[in-house]
């Protein structure tokens, strides 16, 4: 029996690897959503930047909303990979905060992802934005994880028992997000990235000096 040739769908480049094409679309969307915002960049511009026709892009992402969600999910996957949350042993709160400092230093080398997060987060505070649920889930998840880690630190004798775990967690996230915005507003250059990392490390050290049981 002779195999029938696969029919190429409209807009899909002949011979293109679907996985490579999908990555090219996501890279283009990260850059354009990050520089212009989700509402400021069109699907046609993303398609052109990825070297596709509109039909080719829609083959991989049937709507702009689905493309945005895929971009945000990839950003979270990149951060989760860099935080190495799959370690065999859970991190203590102090180890977790140290890893966050390392992540800030890494993010200083990839302003596109930082700009994407800050830009979309600003837009997505409004109900009805397609990334609103992602944003609230993301913030709640990070704050909950840190709060849980502070509480575990209390039980392990690493954190003072009167430490306000929830407030400390929310403040750490607020300082991190705020420093990223200041860094981007200043141009996102390498020197600013070093200051962003140093300032966040300084905040973490202040928290540790105030609430750690270590002398």
N, C-alpha and C. Protein backbone atom coordinates (compact mmCIF):
# COMPACT_ATOMS: atom_id res chain seq x y z
N UNK A 1 0.84 -1.19 0.00
CA UNK A 1 0.00 0.00 0.00
C UNK A 1 0.88 1.25 0.00
N UNK A 2 0.61 2.13 -0.91
CA UNK A 2 1.41 3.35 -1.02
C UNK A 2 0.88 4.42 -0.09
N UNK A 3 1.81 5.01 0.74
CA UNK A 3 1.39 6.06 1.66
C UNK A 3 0.97 7.30 0.89
N UNK A 4 -0.10 7.91 1.36
CA UNK A 4 -0.58 9.12 0.72
C UNK A 4 0.22 10.32 1.22
N UNK A 5 0.57 11.25 0.35
CA UNK A 5 1.31 12.45 0.78
C UNK A 5 0.48 13.29 1.75
N UNK A 6 1.20 13.86 2.75
CA UNK A 6 0.52 14.72 3.72
C UNK A 6 0.21 16.05 3.08
N UNK A 7 -1.05 16.44 3.18
CA UNK A 7 -1.45 17.72 2.59
C UNK A 7 -0.99 18.85 3.50
N UNK A 8 -0.34 19.83 2.93
CA UNK A 8 0.12 20.98 3.69
C UNK A 8 -1.02 21.94 3.91
N UNK A 9 -1.23 22.36 5.16
CA UNK A 9 -2.30 23.30 5.44
C UNK A 9 -1.92 24.69 4.97
N UNK A 10 -2.91 25.52 4.68
CA UNK A 10 -2.62 26.87 4.19
C UNK A 10 -1.78 27.65 5.19
N UNK A 11 -0.76 28.31 4.69
CA UNK A 11 0.04 29.20 5.52
C UNK A 11 1.17 28.53 6.24
N UNK A 12 1.23 27.22 6.20
CA UNK A 12 2.29 26.51 6.90
C UNK A 12 3.49 26.36 5.98
N UNK A 13 4.69 26.86 6.37
CA UNK A 13 5.84 26.77 5.49
C UNK A 13 6.16 25.32 5.14
N UNK A 14 6.43 25.06 3.85
CA UNK A 14 6.72 23.70 3.42
C UNK A 14 7.98 23.19 4.11
N UNK A 15 7.88 22.02 4.70
CA UNK A 15 9.04 21.39 5.30
C UNK A 15 9.42 21.89 6.67
N UNK A 16 8.66 22.85 7.21
CA UNK A 16 9.02 23.42 8.50
C UNK A 16 8.72 22.44 9.62
N UNK A 17 9.63 22.37 10.60
CA UNK A 17 9.40 21.54 11.79
C UNK A 17 8.39 22.27 12.66
N UNK A 18 7.24 21.65 12.98
CA UNK A 18 6.20 22.35 13.76
C UNK A 18 6.72 22.86 15.10
N UNK A 19 7.60 22.07 15.76
CA UNK A 19 8.12 22.50 17.06
C UNK A 19 9.01 23.74 16.91
N UNK A 20 9.82 23.76 15.85
CA UNK A 20 10.69 24.92 15.62
C UNK A 20 9.84 26.14 15.27
N UNK A 21 8.82 25.94 14.45
CA UNK A 21 7.94 27.05 14.08
C UNK A 21 7.23 27.61 15.30
N UNK A 22 6.74 26.71 16.17
CA UNK A 22 6.04 27.15 17.38
C UNK A 22 6.98 27.97 18.27
N UNK A 23 8.23 27.54 18.39
CA UNK A 23 9.19 28.28 19.20
C UNK A 23 9.46 29.66 18.59
N UNK A 24 9.53 29.71 17.26
CA UNK A 24 9.77 31.00 16.59
C UNK A 24 8.61 31.96 16.86
N UNK A 25 7.38 31.44 16.86
CA UNK A 25 6.21 32.28 17.15
C UNK A 25 6.27 32.78 18.59
N UNK A 26 6.60 31.89 19.52
CA UNK A 26 6.65 32.28 20.93
C UNK A 26 7.74 33.32 21.15
N UNK A 27 8.91 33.13 20.51
CA UNK A 27 9.99 34.12 20.65
C UNK A 27 9.54 35.49 20.13
N UNK A 28 8.88 35.49 18.98
CA UNK A 28 8.41 36.75 18.39
C UNK A 28 7.37 37.40 19.30
N UNK A 29 6.48 36.59 19.86
CA UNK A 29 5.42 37.14 20.72
C UNK A 29 6.01 37.70 22.01
N UNK A 30 7.01 37.03 22.58
CA UNK A 30 7.66 37.55 23.79
C UNK A 30 8.23 38.93 23.52
N UNK A 31 8.89 39.08 22.37
CA UNK A 31 9.51 40.37 22.04
C UNK A 31 8.47 41.45 21.80
N UNK A 32 7.44 41.13 21.01
CA UNK A 32 6.45 42.15 20.66
C UNK A 32 5.50 42.46 21.80
N UNK A 33 5.02 41.44 22.52
CA UNK A 33 4.15 41.71 23.67
C UNK A 33 4.94 42.46 24.75
N UNK A 34 6.23 42.14 24.86
CA UNK A 34 7.05 42.80 25.87
C UNK A 34 7.32 44.26 25.53
N UNK A 35 7.52 44.56 24.26
CA UNK A 35 7.86 45.94 23.88
C UNK A 35 6.62 46.80 23.66
N UNK A 36 5.51 46.21 23.20
CA UNK A 36 4.32 47.01 22.87
C UNK A 36 3.12 46.69 23.75
N UNK A 37 3.22 45.66 24.55
CA UNK A 37 2.06 45.23 25.31
C UNK A 37 1.20 44.28 24.49
N UNK A 38 0.36 43.53 25.18
CA UNK A 38 -0.49 42.55 24.50
C UNK A 38 -1.43 43.22 23.51
N UNK A 39 -2.01 44.34 23.95
CA UNK A 39 -3.00 45.01 23.09
C UNK A 39 -2.33 45.80 21.97
N UNK A 40 -1.07 46.14 22.12
CA UNK A 40 -0.38 46.98 21.14
C UNK A 40 0.24 46.22 19.99
N UNK A 41 0.35 44.91 20.13
CA UNK A 41 0.96 44.09 19.07
C UNK A 41 -0.10 43.22 18.42
N UNK A 42 -0.12 43.20 17.10
CA UNK A 42 -1.12 42.41 16.38
C UNK A 42 -0.59 41.02 16.04
N UNK A 43 -1.53 40.12 15.77
CA UNK A 43 -1.13 38.78 15.34
C UNK A 43 -0.36 38.86 14.01
N UNK A 44 -0.75 39.78 13.15
CA UNK A 44 -0.05 39.92 11.86
C UNK A 44 1.41 40.29 12.07
N UNK A 45 1.67 41.16 13.07
CA UNK A 45 3.05 41.54 13.35
C UNK A 45 3.84 40.37 13.93
N UNK A 46 3.19 39.59 14.80
CA UNK A 46 3.85 38.42 15.36
C UNK A 46 4.17 37.42 14.24
N UNK A 47 3.20 37.21 13.36
CA UNK A 47 3.40 36.27 12.25
C UNK A 47 4.56 36.72 11.37
N UNK A 48 4.59 38.01 11.05
CA UNK A 48 5.67 38.53 10.19
C UNK A 48 7.03 38.37 10.85
N UNK A 49 7.08 38.65 12.16
CA UNK A 49 8.35 38.54 12.89
C UNK A 49 8.83 37.09 12.95
N UNK A 50 7.88 36.15 12.93
CA UNK A 50 8.23 34.73 12.98
C UNK A 50 8.44 34.14 11.59
N UNK A 51 8.25 34.96 10.55
CA UNK A 51 8.43 34.48 9.19
C UNK A 51 7.29 33.63 8.69
N UNK A 52 6.07 33.90 9.20
CA UNK A 52 4.90 33.12 8.82
C UNK A 52 3.83 34.01 8.21
N UNK A 53 2.91 33.38 7.53
CA UNK A 53 1.68 34.07 7.13
C UNK A 53 0.73 34.06 8.32
N UNK A 54 -0.33 34.87 8.26
CA UNK A 54 -1.33 34.84 9.33
C UNK A 54 -1.92 33.44 9.47
N UNK A 55 -2.20 32.78 8.34
CA UNK A 55 -2.77 31.44 8.39
C UNK A 55 -1.80 30.47 9.04
N UNK A 56 -0.50 30.66 8.76
CA UNK A 56 0.50 29.78 9.37
C UNK A 56 0.54 29.94 10.88
N UNK A 57 0.42 31.18 11.34
CA UNK A 57 0.42 31.39 12.80
C UNK A 57 -0.84 30.79 13.43
N UNK A 58 -1.98 31.00 12.77
CA UNK A 58 -3.25 30.49 13.32
C UNK A 58 -3.29 28.96 13.32
N UNK A 59 -2.46 28.34 12.50
CA UNK A 59 -2.37 26.88 12.53
C UNK A 59 -1.84 26.41 13.89
N UNK A 60 -0.92 27.18 14.46
CA UNK A 60 -0.32 26.80 15.75
C UNK A 60 -1.08 27.41 16.93
N UNK A 61 -1.57 28.63 16.76
CA UNK A 61 -2.30 29.32 17.84
C UNK A 61 -3.57 29.92 17.24
N UNK A 62 -4.70 29.25 17.45
CA UNK A 62 -5.93 29.68 16.77
C UNK A 62 -6.43 31.05 17.18
N UNK A 63 -5.95 31.62 18.29
CA UNK A 63 -6.41 32.95 18.68
C UNK A 63 -5.27 33.69 19.38
N UNK A 64 -5.39 35.00 19.45
CA UNK A 64 -4.39 35.81 20.12
C UNK A 64 -4.35 35.48 21.62
N UNK A 65 -5.52 35.22 22.19
CA UNK A 65 -5.59 34.87 23.61
C UNK A 65 -4.82 33.58 23.89
N UNK A 66 -4.99 32.58 23.03
CA UNK A 66 -4.27 31.32 23.23
C UNK A 66 -2.76 31.51 23.08
N UNK A 67 -2.36 32.41 22.18
CA UNK A 67 -0.93 32.69 22.03
C UNK A 67 -0.39 33.35 23.29
N UNK A 68 -1.13 34.31 23.86
CA UNK A 68 -0.68 34.98 25.07
C UNK A 68 -0.52 33.98 26.22
N UNK A 69 -1.51 33.11 26.39
CA UNK A 69 -1.43 32.14 27.47
C UNK A 69 -0.22 31.22 27.28
N UNK A 70 0.04 30.81 26.03
CA UNK A 70 1.20 29.96 25.76
C UNK A 70 2.50 30.68 26.09
N UNK A 71 2.56 31.98 25.77
CA UNK A 71 3.76 32.77 26.07
C UNK A 71 3.97 32.85 27.58
N UNK A 72 2.91 33.13 28.32
CA UNK A 72 3.02 33.26 29.78
C UNK A 72 3.38 31.92 30.42
N UNK A 73 2.79 30.84 29.90
CA UNK A 73 3.12 29.51 30.43
C UNK A 73 4.58 29.19 30.19
N UNK A 74 5.11 29.58 29.01
CA UNK A 74 6.52 29.30 28.75
C UNK A 74 7.40 30.12 29.69
N UNK A 75 6.99 31.37 29.98
CA UNK A 75 7.76 32.18 30.92
C UNK A 75 7.81 31.50 32.28
N UNK A 76 6.67 31.00 32.74
CA UNK A 76 6.64 30.32 34.03
C UNK A 76 7.50 29.06 34.00
N UNK A 77 7.48 28.34 32.86
CA UNK A 77 8.30 27.12 32.74
C UNK A 77 9.79 27.47 32.81
N UNK A 78 10.16 28.58 32.17
CA UNK A 78 11.57 29.00 32.21
C UNK A 78 11.99 29.33 33.63
N UNK A 79 11.14 30.08 34.35
CA UNK A 79 11.46 30.43 35.74
C UNK A 79 11.51 29.19 36.63
N UNK A 80 10.53 28.27 36.45
CA UNK A 80 10.50 27.06 37.26
C UNK A 80 11.73 26.21 37.02
N UNK A 81 12.15 26.14 35.77
CA UNK A 81 13.37 25.38 35.44
C UNK A 81 14.58 26.02 36.12
N UNK A 82 14.65 27.35 36.06
CA UNK A 82 15.81 28.04 36.64
C UNK A 82 15.80 27.98 38.17
N UNK A 83 14.60 27.96 38.75
CA UNK A 83 14.51 27.82 40.20
C UNK A 83 14.75 26.38 40.63
N UNK A 84 14.67 25.44 39.65
CA UNK A 84 14.91 24.03 39.90
C UNK A 84 14.02 23.53 41.03
N UNK A 85 12.70 23.75 40.85
CA UNK A 85 11.76 23.35 41.87
C UNK A 85 11.62 21.84 41.98
N UNK A 86 12.23 21.11 41.06
CA UNK A 86 12.15 19.66 41.12
C UNK A 86 13.24 19.01 41.93
N UNK A 87 13.90 19.78 42.79
CA UNK A 87 14.96 19.19 43.62
C UNK A 87 14.39 18.09 44.50
N UNK A 88 15.27 17.17 44.87
CA UNK A 88 14.82 16.06 45.71
C UNK A 88 14.37 16.55 47.08
N UNK A 89 15.13 17.47 47.66
CA UNK A 89 14.80 17.98 49.00
C UNK A 89 14.21 19.38 48.88
N UNK A 90 13.13 19.67 49.63
CA UNK A 90 12.56 21.01 49.56
C UNK A 90 13.54 22.05 50.09
N UNK A 91 13.48 23.25 49.49
CA UNK A 91 14.35 24.33 49.92
C UNK A 91 13.82 24.96 51.19
N UNK A 92 14.74 25.39 52.05
CA UNK A 92 14.31 26.19 53.19
C UNK A 92 13.94 27.58 52.67
N UNK A 93 13.29 28.37 53.49
CA UNK A 93 12.91 29.71 53.07
C UNK A 93 14.14 30.53 52.69
N UNK A 94 15.23 30.36 53.45
CA UNK A 94 16.41 31.16 53.15
C UNK A 94 17.08 30.69 51.87
N UNK A 95 17.08 29.38 51.60
CA UNK A 95 17.60 28.87 50.33
C UNK A 95 16.72 29.34 49.17
N UNK A 96 15.40 29.33 49.40
CA UNK A 96 14.48 29.76 48.34
C UNK A 96 14.71 31.23 47.97
N UNK A 97 14.91 32.07 48.99
CA UNK A 97 15.15 33.48 48.70
C UNK A 97 16.49 33.68 47.99
N UNK A 98 17.50 32.88 48.37
CA UNK A 98 18.79 32.96 47.67
C UNK A 98 18.64 32.58 46.20
N UNK A 99 17.82 31.57 45.92
CA UNK A 99 17.58 31.16 44.54
C UNK A 99 16.86 32.28 43.77
N UNK A 100 15.95 32.98 44.46
CA UNK A 100 15.26 34.10 43.80
C UNK A 100 16.25 35.20 43.44
N UNK A 101 17.25 35.43 44.30
CA UNK A 101 18.29 36.41 43.97
C UNK A 101 19.04 35.97 42.71
N UNK A 102 19.36 34.69 42.65
CA UNK A 102 20.05 34.16 41.45
C UNK A 102 19.18 34.35 40.20
N UNK A 103 17.87 34.16 40.37
CA UNK A 103 16.96 34.31 39.23
C UNK A 103 16.91 35.77 38.77
N UNK A 104 16.94 36.71 39.71
CA UNK A 104 16.96 38.12 39.34
C UNK A 104 18.23 38.43 38.53
N UNK A 105 19.35 37.90 38.98
CA UNK A 105 20.61 38.11 38.24
C UNK A 105 20.51 37.53 36.83
N UNK A 106 19.86 36.36 36.70
CA UNK A 106 19.69 35.76 35.38
C UNK A 106 18.75 36.59 34.52
N UNK A 107 17.67 37.08 35.13
CA UNK A 107 16.70 37.88 34.38
C UNK A 107 17.31 39.18 33.87
N UNK A 108 18.33 39.68 34.57
CA UNK A 108 19.00 40.91 34.12
C UNK A 108 19.67 40.70 32.76
N UNK A 109 19.83 39.43 32.37
CA UNK A 109 20.45 39.12 31.07
C UNK A 109 19.41 38.84 30.00
N UNK A 110 18.12 38.86 30.36
CA UNK A 110 17.07 38.59 29.38
C UNK A 110 15.92 39.56 29.59
N UNK A 111 16.15 40.83 29.21
CA UNK A 111 15.15 41.87 29.45
C UNK A 111 13.82 41.61 28.75
N UNK A 112 13.84 40.82 27.67
CA UNK A 112 12.59 40.55 26.96
C UNK A 112 11.56 39.88 27.86
N UNK A 113 11.99 38.87 28.63
CA UNK A 113 11.07 38.17 29.51
C UNK A 113 10.61 39.08 30.65
N UNK A 114 11.54 39.90 31.17
CA UNK A 114 11.17 40.81 32.26
C UNK A 114 10.17 41.84 31.75
N UNK A 115 10.42 42.37 30.55
CA UNK A 115 9.51 43.37 29.97
C UNK A 115 8.16 42.74 29.69
N UNK A 116 8.16 41.51 29.20
CA UNK A 116 6.89 40.82 28.94
C UNK A 116 6.07 40.73 30.22
N UNK A 117 6.69 40.27 31.30
CA UNK A 117 5.96 40.10 32.56
C UNK A 117 5.43 41.44 33.06
N UNK A 118 6.30 42.46 33.10
CA UNK A 118 5.91 43.74 33.67
C UNK A 118 4.82 44.41 32.83
N UNK A 119 4.95 44.32 31.52
CA UNK A 119 3.97 44.95 30.63
C UNK A 119 2.62 44.26 30.71
N UNK A 120 2.63 42.94 30.59
CA UNK A 120 1.36 42.19 30.63
C UNK A 120 0.74 42.28 32.01
N UNK A 121 1.56 42.25 33.07
CA UNK A 121 1.00 42.34 34.43
C UNK A 121 0.27 43.66 34.62
N UNK A 122 0.85 44.75 34.07
CA UNK A 122 0.18 46.05 34.19
C UNK A 122 -1.17 46.05 33.49
N UNK A 123 -1.24 45.46 32.31
CA UNK A 123 -2.50 45.41 31.56
C UNK A 123 -3.50 44.48 32.22
N UNK A 124 -3.01 43.37 32.75
CA UNK A 124 -3.89 42.29 33.20
C UNK A 124 -4.50 42.53 34.58
N UNK A 125 -4.22 43.68 35.20
CA UNK A 125 -4.89 43.98 36.47
C UNK A 125 -6.37 44.23 36.26
N UNK A 126 -6.77 44.52 35.01
CA UNK A 126 -8.17 44.77 34.72
C UNK A 126 -8.92 43.45 34.48
N UNK A 127 -10.14 43.38 35.07
CA UNK A 127 -10.99 42.23 34.77
C UNK A 127 -11.29 42.21 33.28
N UNK A 128 -11.36 41.03 32.74
CA UNK A 128 -11.68 40.90 31.33
C UNK A 128 -10.46 40.76 30.44
N UNK A 129 -9.28 41.14 30.95
CA UNK A 129 -8.06 40.91 30.16
C UNK A 129 -7.82 39.40 30.10
N UNK A 130 -7.41 38.89 28.94
CA UNK A 130 -7.24 37.43 28.82
C UNK A 130 -6.20 36.84 29.75
N UNK A 131 -5.28 37.68 30.28
CA UNK A 131 -4.26 37.16 31.20
C UNK A 131 -4.59 37.47 32.65
N UNK A 132 -5.80 37.99 32.92
CA UNK A 132 -6.14 38.36 34.31
C UNK A 132 -6.08 37.15 35.24
N UNK A 133 -6.68 36.06 34.83
CA UNK A 133 -6.67 34.86 35.68
C UNK A 133 -5.25 34.34 35.88
N UNK A 134 -4.45 34.39 34.79
CA UNK A 134 -3.05 33.95 34.94
C UNK A 134 -2.33 34.83 35.96
N UNK A 135 -2.52 36.17 35.88
CA UNK A 135 -1.81 37.08 36.77
C UNK A 135 -2.19 36.82 38.23
N UNK A 136 -3.49 36.74 38.51
CA UNK A 136 -3.90 36.52 39.89
C UNK A 136 -3.42 35.17 40.39
N UNK A 137 -3.49 34.16 39.53
CA UNK A 137 -2.99 32.84 39.93
C UNK A 137 -1.50 32.83 40.17
N UNK A 138 -0.78 33.55 39.31
CA UNK A 138 0.68 33.63 39.45
C UNK A 138 1.06 34.30 40.76
N UNK A 139 0.47 35.47 41.04
CA UNK A 139 0.81 36.21 42.26
C UNK A 139 0.40 35.41 43.50
N UNK A 140 -0.82 34.87 43.49
CA UNK A 140 -1.27 34.07 44.63
C UNK A 140 -0.34 32.88 44.85
N UNK A 141 0.08 32.24 43.76
CA UNK A 141 0.93 31.07 43.89
C UNK A 141 2.28 31.39 44.50
N UNK A 142 2.91 32.48 44.03
CA UNK A 142 4.23 32.85 44.55
C UNK A 142 4.12 33.25 46.01
N UNK A 143 3.12 34.07 46.34
CA UNK A 143 2.96 34.51 47.73
C UNK A 143 2.65 33.31 48.63
N UNK A 144 1.77 32.43 48.18
CA UNK A 144 1.43 31.25 48.99
C UNK A 144 2.66 30.37 49.22
N UNK A 145 3.46 30.17 48.17
CA UNK A 145 4.65 29.33 48.31
C UNK A 145 5.62 29.91 49.34
N UNK A 146 5.84 31.23 49.26
CA UNK A 146 6.76 31.86 50.21
C UNK A 146 6.18 31.85 51.62
N UNK A 147 4.88 32.09 51.73
CA UNK A 147 4.25 32.06 53.06
C UNK A 147 4.40 30.68 53.69
N UNK A 148 4.15 29.65 52.88
CA UNK A 148 4.30 28.27 53.36
C UNK A 148 5.75 28.00 53.78
N UNK A 149 6.70 28.53 53.00
CA UNK A 149 8.12 28.31 53.32
C UNK A 149 8.51 29.03 54.62
N UNK A 150 7.97 30.24 54.84
CA UNK A 150 8.24 30.94 56.11
C UNK A 150 7.66 30.14 57.28
N UNK A 151 6.44 29.63 57.12
CA UNK A 151 5.81 28.86 58.20
C UNK A 151 6.59 27.57 58.46
N UNK A 152 7.06 26.92 57.39
CA UNK A 152 7.88 25.72 57.57
C UNK A 152 9.18 26.07 58.28
N UNK A 153 9.72 27.26 57.98
CA UNK A 153 10.94 27.71 58.65
C UNK A 153 10.73 27.91 60.14
N UNK A 154 9.55 28.37 60.51
CA UNK A 154 9.23 28.50 61.94
C UNK A 154 9.26 27.14 62.62
N UNK A 155 8.61 26.16 61.98
CA UNK A 155 8.54 24.82 62.57
C UNK A 155 9.93 24.18 62.66
N UNK A 156 10.81 24.54 61.71
CA UNK A 156 12.17 23.98 61.70
C UNK A 156 13.13 24.76 62.57
N UNK A 157 12.66 25.84 63.17
CA UNK A 157 13.54 26.63 64.02
C UNK A 157 14.46 27.56 63.26
N UNK A 158 14.14 27.83 61.99
CA UNK A 158 14.98 28.70 61.17
C UNK A 158 14.47 30.13 61.13
N UNK A 159 13.20 30.31 61.47
CA UNK A 159 12.55 31.63 61.40
C UNK A 159 11.91 31.93 62.74
N UNK A 160 12.00 33.19 63.17
CA UNK A 160 11.39 33.57 64.45
C UNK A 160 9.89 33.30 64.42
N UNK A 161 9.37 32.84 65.52
CA UNK A 161 7.96 32.43 65.57
C UNK A 161 7.00 33.60 65.43
N UNK A 162 7.47 34.84 65.70
CA UNK A 162 6.59 36.00 65.56
C UNK A 162 6.70 36.66 64.18
N UNK A 163 7.37 36.01 63.25
CA UNK A 163 7.51 36.58 61.90
C UNK A 163 6.15 36.59 61.19
N UNK A 164 5.77 37.72 60.57
CA UNK A 164 4.50 37.79 59.82
C UNK A 164 4.67 37.17 58.44
N UNK A 165 4.47 35.88 58.34
CA UNK A 165 4.83 35.15 57.11
C UNK A 165 4.15 35.72 55.86
N UNK A 166 2.84 35.94 55.93
CA UNK A 166 2.13 36.43 54.76
C UNK A 166 2.61 37.81 54.33
N UNK A 167 2.80 38.72 55.29
CA UNK A 167 3.26 40.07 54.94
C UNK A 167 4.67 40.04 54.38
N UNK A 168 5.53 39.22 54.95
CA UNK A 168 6.89 39.11 54.43
C UNK A 168 6.88 38.58 53.00
N UNK A 169 6.04 37.58 52.74
CA UNK A 169 5.97 37.01 51.38
C UNK A 169 5.48 38.05 50.39
N UNK A 170 4.42 38.78 50.74
CA UNK A 170 3.89 39.79 49.82
C UNK A 170 4.91 40.91 49.57
N UNK A 171 5.64 41.27 50.61
CA UNK A 171 6.63 42.35 50.46
C UNK A 171 7.78 41.93 49.56
N UNK A 172 8.24 40.69 49.72
CA UNK A 172 9.33 40.20 48.86
C UNK A 172 8.91 40.26 47.39
N UNK A 173 7.69 39.80 47.09
CA UNK A 173 7.20 39.82 45.71
C UNK A 173 7.05 41.26 45.21
N UNK A 174 6.54 42.14 46.08
CA UNK A 174 6.36 43.55 45.68
C UNK A 174 7.70 44.22 45.39
N UNK A 175 8.69 43.98 46.22
CA UNK A 175 10.02 44.56 46.00
C UNK A 175 10.61 44.05 44.69
N UNK A 176 10.49 42.75 44.46
CA UNK A 176 11.03 42.17 43.22
C UNK A 176 10.36 42.78 42.00
N UNK A 177 9.04 42.81 41.98
CA UNK A 177 8.33 43.35 40.81
C UNK A 177 8.62 44.84 40.65
N UNK A 178 8.69 45.58 41.75
CA UNK A 178 8.97 47.01 41.66
C UNK A 178 10.36 47.31 41.14
N UNK A 179 11.35 46.55 41.58
CA UNK A 179 12.71 46.75 41.10
C UNK A 179 12.82 46.46 39.60
N UNK A 180 12.06 45.45 39.14
CA UNK A 180 12.07 45.14 37.71
C UNK A 180 11.52 46.31 36.90
N UNK A 181 10.45 46.93 37.39
CA UNK A 181 9.86 48.07 36.67
C UNK A 181 10.86 49.23 36.63
N UNK A 182 11.51 49.52 37.77
CA UNK A 182 12.50 50.60 37.80
C UNK A 182 13.65 50.32 36.84
N UNK A 183 14.08 49.06 36.81
CA UNK A 183 15.18 48.68 35.92
C UNK A 183 14.79 48.87 34.46
N UNK A 184 13.59 48.43 34.09
CA UNK A 184 13.14 48.59 32.71
C UNK A 184 13.00 50.06 32.35
N UNK A 185 12.45 50.86 33.27
CA UNK A 185 12.26 52.29 33.00
C UNK A 185 13.59 52.99 32.79
N UNK A 186 14.64 52.47 33.42
CA UNK A 186 15.97 53.06 33.29
C UNK A 186 16.70 52.56 32.06
N UNK A 187 16.05 51.70 31.28
CA UNK A 187 16.66 51.23 30.04
C UNK A 187 17.04 49.77 30.04
N UNK A 188 17.00 49.12 31.21
CA UNK A 188 17.29 47.69 31.27
C UNK A 188 18.71 47.33 30.86
N UNK A 189 19.66 48.24 31.14
CA UNK A 189 21.03 47.93 30.75
C UNK A 189 21.71 47.03 31.78
N UNK A 190 22.91 46.56 31.44
CA UNK A 190 23.60 45.62 32.32
C UNK A 190 23.92 46.24 33.67
N UNK A 191 24.36 47.52 33.66
CA UNK A 191 24.70 48.16 34.93
C UNK A 191 23.47 48.24 35.83
N UNK A 192 22.33 48.61 35.22
CA UNK A 192 21.09 48.64 36.00
C UNK A 192 20.71 47.27 36.50
N UNK A 193 21.00 46.24 35.70
CA UNK A 193 20.70 44.88 36.12
C UNK A 193 21.49 44.49 37.35
N UNK A 194 22.74 44.94 37.40
CA UNK A 194 23.56 44.66 38.58
C UNK A 194 22.97 45.34 39.81
N UNK A 195 22.50 46.57 39.64
CA UNK A 195 21.90 47.27 40.78
C UNK A 195 20.61 46.59 41.19
N UNK A 196 19.80 46.16 40.21
CA UNK A 196 18.55 45.47 40.52
C UNK A 196 18.84 44.23 41.36
N UNK A 197 19.83 43.46 40.94
CA UNK A 197 20.18 42.25 41.67
C UNK A 197 20.70 42.59 43.07
N UNK A 198 21.58 43.60 43.15
CA UNK A 198 22.16 43.98 44.45
C UNK A 198 21.08 44.50 45.40
N UNK A 199 20.15 45.30 44.88
CA UNK A 199 19.09 45.84 45.73
C UNK A 199 18.16 44.74 46.23
N UNK A 200 17.85 43.77 45.36
CA UNK A 200 16.98 42.67 45.82
C UNK A 200 17.72 41.80 46.83
N UNK A 201 19.02 41.56 46.57
CA UNK A 201 19.81 40.80 47.53
C UNK A 201 19.84 41.53 48.89
N UNK A 202 19.96 42.86 48.84
CA UNK A 202 19.97 43.63 50.07
C UNK A 202 18.66 43.50 50.84
N UNK A 203 17.54 43.48 50.11
CA UNK A 203 16.24 43.31 50.78
C UNK A 203 16.15 41.93 51.44
N UNK A 204 16.59 40.91 50.69
CA UNK A 204 16.56 39.56 51.24
C UNK A 204 17.44 39.47 52.50
N UNK A 205 18.60 40.12 52.46
CA UNK A 205 19.49 40.10 53.63
C UNK A 205 18.85 40.82 54.81
N UNK A 206 18.12 41.91 54.52
CA UNK A 206 17.43 42.63 55.60
C UNK A 206 16.37 41.74 56.25
N UNK A 207 15.61 41.03 55.42
CA UNK A 207 14.57 40.13 55.94
C UNK A 207 15.21 39.04 56.79
N UNK A 208 16.29 38.49 56.28
CA UNK A 208 16.96 37.40 57.01
C UNK A 208 17.55 37.91 58.34
N UNK A 209 18.16 39.11 58.30
CA UNK A 209 18.75 39.64 59.53
C UNK A 209 17.68 39.91 60.58
N UNK A 210 16.48 40.30 60.13
CA UNK A 210 15.41 40.64 61.07
C UNK A 210 14.69 39.41 61.61
N UNK A 211 14.52 38.36 60.77
CA UNK A 211 13.62 37.28 61.17
C UNK A 211 14.27 35.91 61.28
N UNK A 212 15.54 35.78 60.90
CA UNK A 212 16.20 34.48 61.05
C UNK A 212 16.57 34.25 62.51
N UNK A 213 16.58 33.00 62.91
CA UNK A 213 17.01 32.64 64.27
C UNK A 213 18.51 32.46 64.34
N UNK A 214 19.16 32.48 63.16
CA UNK A 214 20.61 32.30 63.13
C UNK A 214 21.28 33.56 63.65
N UNK A 215 22.39 33.39 64.33
CA UNK A 215 23.11 34.53 64.88
C UNK A 215 24.24 34.92 63.96
